[in-house]
Amino acid sequence: MSRMLASWICAGTALLIGALGLAATEPVPFGLSSEKASAWRLTFADEFEAETLDASKWYAGYRNGQFEYYKRVGAVHPGAYTSPDCCYEISGGTLKLRVDGNAPRRPYVGSPCVSCFMTSDHRYGESVNDVKVMKKFGQKYGWFEMRCKVAKGPGLESAFWLHQVDPLHQEFTPEGKPNTGEGALEFDIFEAWGTPTNTVHAQMNVHFTEDGHYLMTEPDPDNAFHVFALEWEEGRATFYYDGMPRQTYVGPTPQREMFVLMALFHYRREAERRISELTYPVDFQIDYVRVWQRK
C-alpha cells in the first residue's frame, strides 16, 4: 500500500468517526448501542497502564480520615479493621488490590484488613465542624463502570462503592455510628464474596433504603473478568453486569456528589471456614475504572 493511499484511508476513517460524533480513542459505556453511548461524555478513567499509582486520581488506603479521627477520640472502626494501609501491585495493565501474608500490616495473618483505592479523603480539625475535604474526583449522577476479576476464597470480599464526598453525609457518623437519618447515602455497585469460588456471588445496594438491595449469583467456573456498572439518575439507579441491566431501583438516591472507592476486604472467617484456607497472595484484579456523565 502506498503512503498516499494509507493517508487517504486514515483521513477517511477520521472523517467517518467525526460524522458519527465519536472520539477516536474515547471509550463508551460497555454494552450500550452507538446511539445511546453518544449521549455520554467521559469524565474519569484509569486503565492502569503506567505500573505506578496515579496520585492525581487515587489515594491508596482505606478511609484514612476516619481512622485518624477514631484514633484521636478513642473510637473503634465499625469494621474493626486493624490497618488503613493498602497492599497492591500495578502490572500488566491491571491494578491488583492484594492481601499477602502480613500485608496490609496487621497483628497476625487472620486479622481483618482491607486494601483500597479511593478518589477522595478528608481530615478533621479540632472538631468535626472543621473538616478538610481532599477530593481528587467526585460526581453527582452518571455511569460508573469497572472491568475486574473478583478475588476468590473464604473470608474475601471485592467491592466497588460510591460514597458521598462530604464526610458528615457518609454511612457512618464521625464517631462510628450508623448514619441512618438521611436515607440514601451510599451505592454498592457490587460487593462480591469470595465463595463459592466457581461463581460471582454479589450484592448490589442503595444504602440505607428498604428495597434497594439485589443479590446476584452467576456461574464463573473460569474465574474471568466481568464488567459491573451503575447508571445513577435522580430517583433511579440501574445496576449492570456484563452489559446487561440486572436490577433497577426507583426511590430516594444520594443528594450530593460521590467519590469512587474499590477495595479487597479480608475477614477472619466465613461460614466457619478459617482464613488459613487461603493461599497468599490473593488479588482483586481491576482492568479499568471509567466514569461518564450525560452530555
Protein backbone atom coordinates (compact mmCIF):
# COMPACT_ATOMS: atom_id res chain seq x y z
CA MET A 1 0.00 0.00 0.00
CA SER A 2 1.38 3.41 -0.92
CA ARG A 3 1.91 6.04 1.74
CA MET A 4 -0.57 8.36 -0.03
CA LEU A 5 -3.29 5.67 -0.12
CA ALA A 6 -2.71 4.89 3.54
CA SER A 7 -3.06 8.60 4.36
CA TRP A 8 -6.35 8.77 2.44
CA ILE A 9 -7.70 5.76 4.37
CA CYS A 10 -6.71 7.25 7.72
CA ALA A 11 -8.24 10.60 6.80
CA GLY A 12 -11.44 8.91 5.62
CA THR A 13 -11.69 6.93 8.84
CA ALA A 14 -11.23 10.09 10.90
CA LEU A 15 -13.98 11.84 8.90
CA LEU A 16 -16.32 8.88 9.42
CA ILE A 17 -15.66 8.86 13.16
CA GLY A 18 -16.29 12.59 13.26
CA ALA A 19 -19.54 12.22 11.32
CA LEU A 20 -20.72 9.64 13.86
CA GLY A 21 -19.95 12.01 16.71
CA LEU A 22 -17.47 9.67 18.38
CA ALA A 23 -13.95 10.31 19.66
CA ALA A 24 -11.31 8.12 18.07
CA THR A 25 -9.93 6.81 21.35
CA GLU A 26 -12.56 7.63 23.97
CA PRO A 27 -14.25 4.54 25.44
CA VAL A 28 -18.01 4.36 25.79
CA PRO A 29 -20.19 2.59 28.39
CA PHE A 30 -20.00 -1.17 27.95
CA GLY A 31 -22.99 -2.77 26.27
CA LEU A 32 -24.67 0.41 25.03
CA SER A 33 -25.52 0.90 21.39
CA SER A 34 -23.65 3.60 19.49
CA GLU A 35 -26.75 5.78 19.56
CA LYS A 36 -27.15 5.53 23.35
CA ALA A 37 -23.41 5.77 24.01
CA SER A 38 -23.22 9.09 22.17
CA ALA A 39 -25.23 10.68 24.98
CA TRP A 40 -22.34 10.24 27.43
CA ARG A 41 -19.01 12.03 27.90
CA LEU A 42 -16.06 10.51 29.74
CA THR A 43 -15.19 12.37 32.97
CA PHE A 44 -12.77 9.98 34.71
CA ALA A 45 -10.74 6.95 33.69
CA ASP A 46 -7.80 4.88 34.79
CA GLU A 47 -6.64 1.99 32.59
CA PHE A 48 -3.71 1.12 34.92
CA GLU A 49 -1.16 1.06 32.12
CA ALA A 50 1.58 3.04 33.89
CA GLU A 51 2.54 0.42 36.54
CA THR A 52 2.63 3.16 39.19
CA LEU A 53 -0.10 4.83 41.21
CA ASP A 54 -1.60 7.88 39.50
CA ALA A 55 -1.55 10.16 42.53
CA SER A 56 -3.65 12.77 40.71
CA LYS A 57 -6.57 10.31 40.81
CA TRP A 58 -6.22 7.99 43.80
CA TYR A 59 -5.47 7.67 47.47
CA ALA A 60 -4.04 4.25 48.31
CA GLY A 61 -5.52 3.35 51.68
CA TYR A 62 -8.87 2.76 53.31
CA ARG A 63 -10.60 5.90 54.57
CA ASN A 64 -7.63 7.28 56.44
CA GLY A 65 -9.59 10.31 57.62
CA GLN A 66 -11.91 8.01 59.57
CA PHE A 67 -9.03 6.09 61.10
CA GLU A 68 -7.22 9.26 62.13
CA TYR A 69 -10.30 10.64 63.88
CA TYR A 70 -11.22 7.34 65.57
CA LYS A 71 -7.68 7.07 66.93
CA ARG A 72 -7.84 10.64 68.20
CA VAL A 73 -11.15 10.23 70.07
CA GLY A 74 -10.66 6.60 71.11
CA ALA A 75 -13.46 5.20 68.93
CA VAL A 76 -13.40 1.80 67.22
CA HIS A 77 -13.77 1.49 63.47
CA PRO A 78 -17.13 -0.17 62.68
CA GLY A 79 -15.41 -2.84 60.60
CA ALA A 80 -12.71 -3.46 63.23
CA TYR A 81 -10.03 -3.34 60.51
CA THR A 82 -6.59 -3.25 62.02
CA SER A 83 -4.92 -1.01 59.45
CA PRO A 84 -5.84 1.57 56.80
CA ASP A 85 -2.74 0.62 54.78
CA CYS A 86 -3.01 -0.71 51.24
CA CYS A 87 -1.16 -3.62 49.64
CA TYR A 88 -1.24 -3.51 45.84
CA GLU A 89 0.62 -4.02 42.59
CA ILE A 90 0.05 -2.40 39.20
CA SER A 91 1.36 -4.56 36.38
CA GLY A 92 0.31 -5.94 33.02
CA GLY A 93 -2.35 -3.27 32.66
CA THR A 94 -4.22 -4.21 35.85
CA LEU A 95 -4.40 -2.97 39.41
CA LYS A 96 -4.13 -5.83 41.88
CA LEU A 97 -5.55 -4.94 45.29
CA ARG A 98 -3.85 -7.59 47.41
CA VAL A 99 -3.79 -9.41 50.71
CA ASP A 100 -0.47 -11.19 51.17
CA GLY A 101 0.63 -12.77 54.43
CA ASN A 102 1.14 -9.83 56.78
CA ALA A 103 0.39 -7.13 54.19
CA PRO A 104 -1.53 -4.96 54.79
CA ARG A 105 0.19 -4.66 58.16
CA ARG A 106 -1.78 -6.39 60.94
CA PRO A 107 -1.11 -8.23 64.22
CA TYR A 108 -1.44 -11.70 62.71
CA VAL A 109 -2.39 -13.35 59.42
CA GLY A 110 -6.05 -13.85 60.35
CA SER A 111 -6.68 -10.23 61.37
CA PRO A 112 -9.35 -8.39 59.37
CA CYS A 113 -7.88 -5.90 56.91
CA VAL A 114 -8.56 -4.15 53.64
CA SER A 115 -6.60 -2.93 50.59
CA CYS A 116 -8.30 0.04 48.98
CA PHE A 117 -8.05 2.81 46.36
CA MET A 118 -10.37 5.82 46.54
CA THR A 119 -10.72 9.22 44.87
CA SER A 120 -11.42 11.36 47.96
CA ASP A 121 -10.40 11.54 51.62
CA HIS A 122 -10.71 14.06 54.44
CA ARG A 123 -9.20 15.20 57.73
CA TYR A 124 -10.98 16.74 60.69
CA GLY A 125 -9.55 19.70 62.57
CA GLU A 126 -10.20 20.31 66.24
CA SER A 127 -13.85 19.37 65.71
CA VAL A 128 -15.91 17.65 63.00
CA ASN A 129 -17.22 21.08 62.01
CA ASP A 130 -13.67 21.89 60.89
CA VAL A 131 -13.07 19.48 58.04
CA LYS A 132 -10.68 19.48 55.08
CA VAL A 133 -12.07 17.55 52.10
CA MET A 134 -9.27 16.18 49.89
CA LYS A 135 -11.22 15.36 46.74
CA LYS A 136 -9.44 14.19 43.60
CA PHE A 137 -12.64 13.15 41.83
CA GLY A 138 -16.32 13.23 42.66
CA GLN A 139 -19.52 13.34 40.63
CA LYS A 140 -23.27 13.51 41.09
CA TYR A 141 -25.22 11.27 38.69
CA GLY A 142 -23.67 9.39 35.78
CA TRP A 143 -22.41 6.00 34.64
CA PHE A 144 -19.78 4.31 36.86
CA GLU A 145 -18.07 1.21 35.42
CA MET A 146 -15.35 -1.31 36.29
CA ARG A 147 -13.92 -4.33 34.48
CA CYS A 148 -12.45 -6.71 37.01
CA LYS A 149 -11.80 -10.22 38.27
CA VAL A 150 -13.09 -10.61 41.82
CA ALA A 151 -10.99 -12.34 44.48
CA LYS A 152 -11.99 -15.93 45.27
CA GLY A 153 -11.63 -17.75 48.59
CA PRO A 154 -13.13 -17.85 52.10
CA GLY A 155 -13.27 -14.59 54.01
CA LEU A 156 -12.76 -12.35 50.95
CA GLU A 157 -14.97 -9.59 49.58
CA SER A 158 -14.28 -7.47 46.48
CA ALA A 159 -16.14 -4.16 46.44
CA PHE A 160 -16.86 -1.17 44.19
CA TRP A 161 -18.65 1.63 46.07
CA LEU A 162 -19.71 5.25 45.82
CA HIS A 163 -19.62 7.37 48.98
CA GLN A 164 -20.66 11.00 49.40
CA VAL A 165 -17.66 13.33 49.33
CA ASP A 166 -18.86 15.23 52.41
CA PRO A 167 -17.72 13.05 55.37
CA LEU A 168 -20.65 14.22 57.51
CA HIS A 169 -23.02 12.62 55.00
CA GLN A 170 -21.48 9.16 54.74
CA GLU A 171 -22.85 5.89 56.10
CA PHE A 172 -21.16 6.30 59.50
CA THR A 173 -21.00 9.36 61.72
CA PRO A 174 -17.52 10.62 62.69
CA GLU A 175 -17.90 8.62 65.92
CA GLY A 176 -18.59 5.38 64.02
CA LYS A 177 -22.37 5.13 64.49
CA PRO A 178 -24.72 4.28 61.59
CA ASN A 179 -25.87 7.49 59.90
CA THR A 180 -29.40 6.33 59.14
CA GLY A 181 -31.24 9.64 59.44
CA GLU A 182 -30.84 10.86 55.87
CA GLY A 183 -31.98 7.86 53.82
CA ALA A 184 -29.89 7.00 50.76
CA LEU A 185 -26.20 7.72 51.40
CA GLU A 186 -24.17 5.06 49.56
CA PHE A 187 -24.11 2.87 46.45
CA ASP A 188 -22.59 -0.59 46.47
CA ILE A 189 -22.19 -1.09 42.74
CA PHE A 190 -21.21 -4.55 43.89
CA GLU A 191 -19.90 -6.46 46.88
CA ALA A 192 -18.71 -9.85 45.64
CA TRP A 193 -17.99 -12.56 48.18
CA GLY A 194 -15.09 -14.96 47.69
CA THR A 195 -17.17 -18.13 47.88
CA PRO A 196 -18.45 -20.19 46.21
CA THR A 197 -15.31 -19.95 44.13
CA ASN A 198 -17.00 -21.10 40.90
CA THR A 199 -19.50 -18.22 40.90
CA VAL A 200 -19.80 -14.46 41.01
CA HIS A 201 -21.89 -14.08 44.16
CA ALA A 202 -22.58 -10.37 44.59
CA GLN A 203 -24.90 -7.91 46.26
CA MET A 204 -25.86 -4.54 44.74
CA ASN A 205 -27.20 -1.96 47.21
CA VAL A 206 -28.59 1.50 47.72
CA HIS A 207 -27.89 2.18 51.41
CA PHE A 208 -29.89 3.00 53.52
CA THR A 209 -33.15 2.05 51.79
CA GLU A 210 -35.66 -0.72 52.40
CA ASP A 211 -35.89 -2.12 48.88
CA GLY A 212 -32.65 -1.02 47.18
CA HIS A 213 -30.91 -4.39 47.54
CA TYR A 214 -30.30 -7.09 44.94
CA LEU A 215 -28.46 -10.40 45.22
CA MET A 216 -26.93 -11.84 42.05
CA THR A 217 -25.32 -15.26 41.57
CA GLU A 218 -23.81 -16.17 38.20
CA PRO A 219 -21.61 -19.10 37.13
CA ASP A 220 -17.92 -18.23 36.87
CA PRO A 221 -16.01 -21.52 36.52
CA ASP A 222 -13.11 -19.87 34.68
CA ASN A 223 -12.69 -17.00 37.19
CA ALA A 224 -12.99 -14.49 34.35
CA PHE A 225 -13.03 -10.72 34.05
CA HIS A 226 -16.50 -9.16 34.20
CA VAL A 227 -17.93 -5.66 33.79
CA PHE A 228 -20.00 -4.09 36.57
CA ALA A 229 -21.72 -0.72 36.15
CA LEU A 230 -24.19 1.64 37.75
CA GLU A 231 -26.32 4.21 35.94
CA TRP A 232 -27.36 6.80 38.52
CA GLU A 233 -30.13 9.30 37.91
CA GLU A 234 -32.25 11.33 40.31
CA GLY A 235 -34.59 8.84 41.98
CA ARG A 236 -33.34 5.90 39.90
CA ALA A 237 -30.37 3.51 39.84
CA THR A 238 -29.78 0.69 37.35
CA PHE A 239 -27.16 -1.98 38.07
CA TYR A 240 -25.47 -3.73 35.12
CA TYR A 241 -23.45 -6.94 34.82
CA ASP A 242 -21.54 -7.70 31.60
CA GLY A 243 -23.54 -5.10 29.71
CA MET A 244 -26.97 -6.29 30.78
CA PRO A 245 -29.26 -4.48 33.25
CA ARG A 246 -29.78 -6.72 36.27
CA GLN A 247 -31.87 -4.56 38.59
CA THR A 248 -33.45 -1.12 38.57
CA TYR A 249 -34.17 0.67 41.83
CA VAL A 250 -36.66 3.54 41.93
CA GLY A 251 -36.70 5.67 45.05
CA PRO A 252 -34.56 8.14 47.01
CA THR A 253 -30.95 8.43 45.83
CA PRO A 254 -27.99 10.31 47.37
CA GLN A 255 -28.19 14.08 47.07
CA ARG A 256 -24.50 15.03 46.90
CA GLU A 257 -21.52 14.29 44.68
CA MET A 258 -19.87 10.97 45.36
CA PHE A 259 -16.37 9.54 45.17
CA VAL A 260 -15.19 6.15 43.94
CA LEU A 261 -13.90 3.50 46.35
CA MET A 262 -12.74 -0.02 45.43
CA ALA A 263 -11.42 -2.49 47.93
CA LEU A 264 -10.47 -6.05 48.78
CA PHE A 265 -11.68 -6.97 52.27
CA HIS A 266 -10.14 -9.83 54.25
CA TYR A 267 -12.28 -11.16 57.09
CA ARG A 268 -11.45 -13.53 59.93
CA ARG A 269 -13.66 -16.37 58.75
CA GLU A 270 -16.61 -17.15 56.53
CA ALA A 271 -19.22 -19.80 57.35
CA GLU A 272 -16.78 -21.43 59.79
CA ARG A 273 -14.10 -21.79 57.10
CA ARG A 274 -10.93 -20.32 58.51
CA ILE A 275 -8.91 -17.77 56.62
CA SER A 276 -5.94 -20.17 56.81
CA GLU A 277 -7.52 -21.99 53.86
CA LEU A 278 -6.37 -19.14 51.63
CA THR A 279 -3.19 -19.36 49.58
CA TYR A 280 -1.45 -15.98 49.52
CA PRO A 281 -1.27 -13.66 47.73
CA VAL A 282 -4.92 -13.11 46.83
CA ASP A 283 -5.83 -10.33 44.39
CA PHE A 284 -8.84 -8.32 43.34
CA GLN A 285 -7.77 -7.53 39.75
CA ILE A 286 -9.06 -4.36 38.13
CA ASP A 287 -8.58 -3.77 34.40
CA TYR A 288 -10.11 -0.29 34.36
CA VAL A 289 -12.38 2.18 36.13
CA ARG A 290 -14.35 4.65 33.99
CA VAL A 291 -16.98 7.27 34.73
CA TRP A 292 -19.23 9.15 32.32
CA GLN A 293 -21.74 11.96 32.65
CA ARG A 294 -24.65 12.75 30.35
CA LYS A 295 -23.78 15.44 27.83
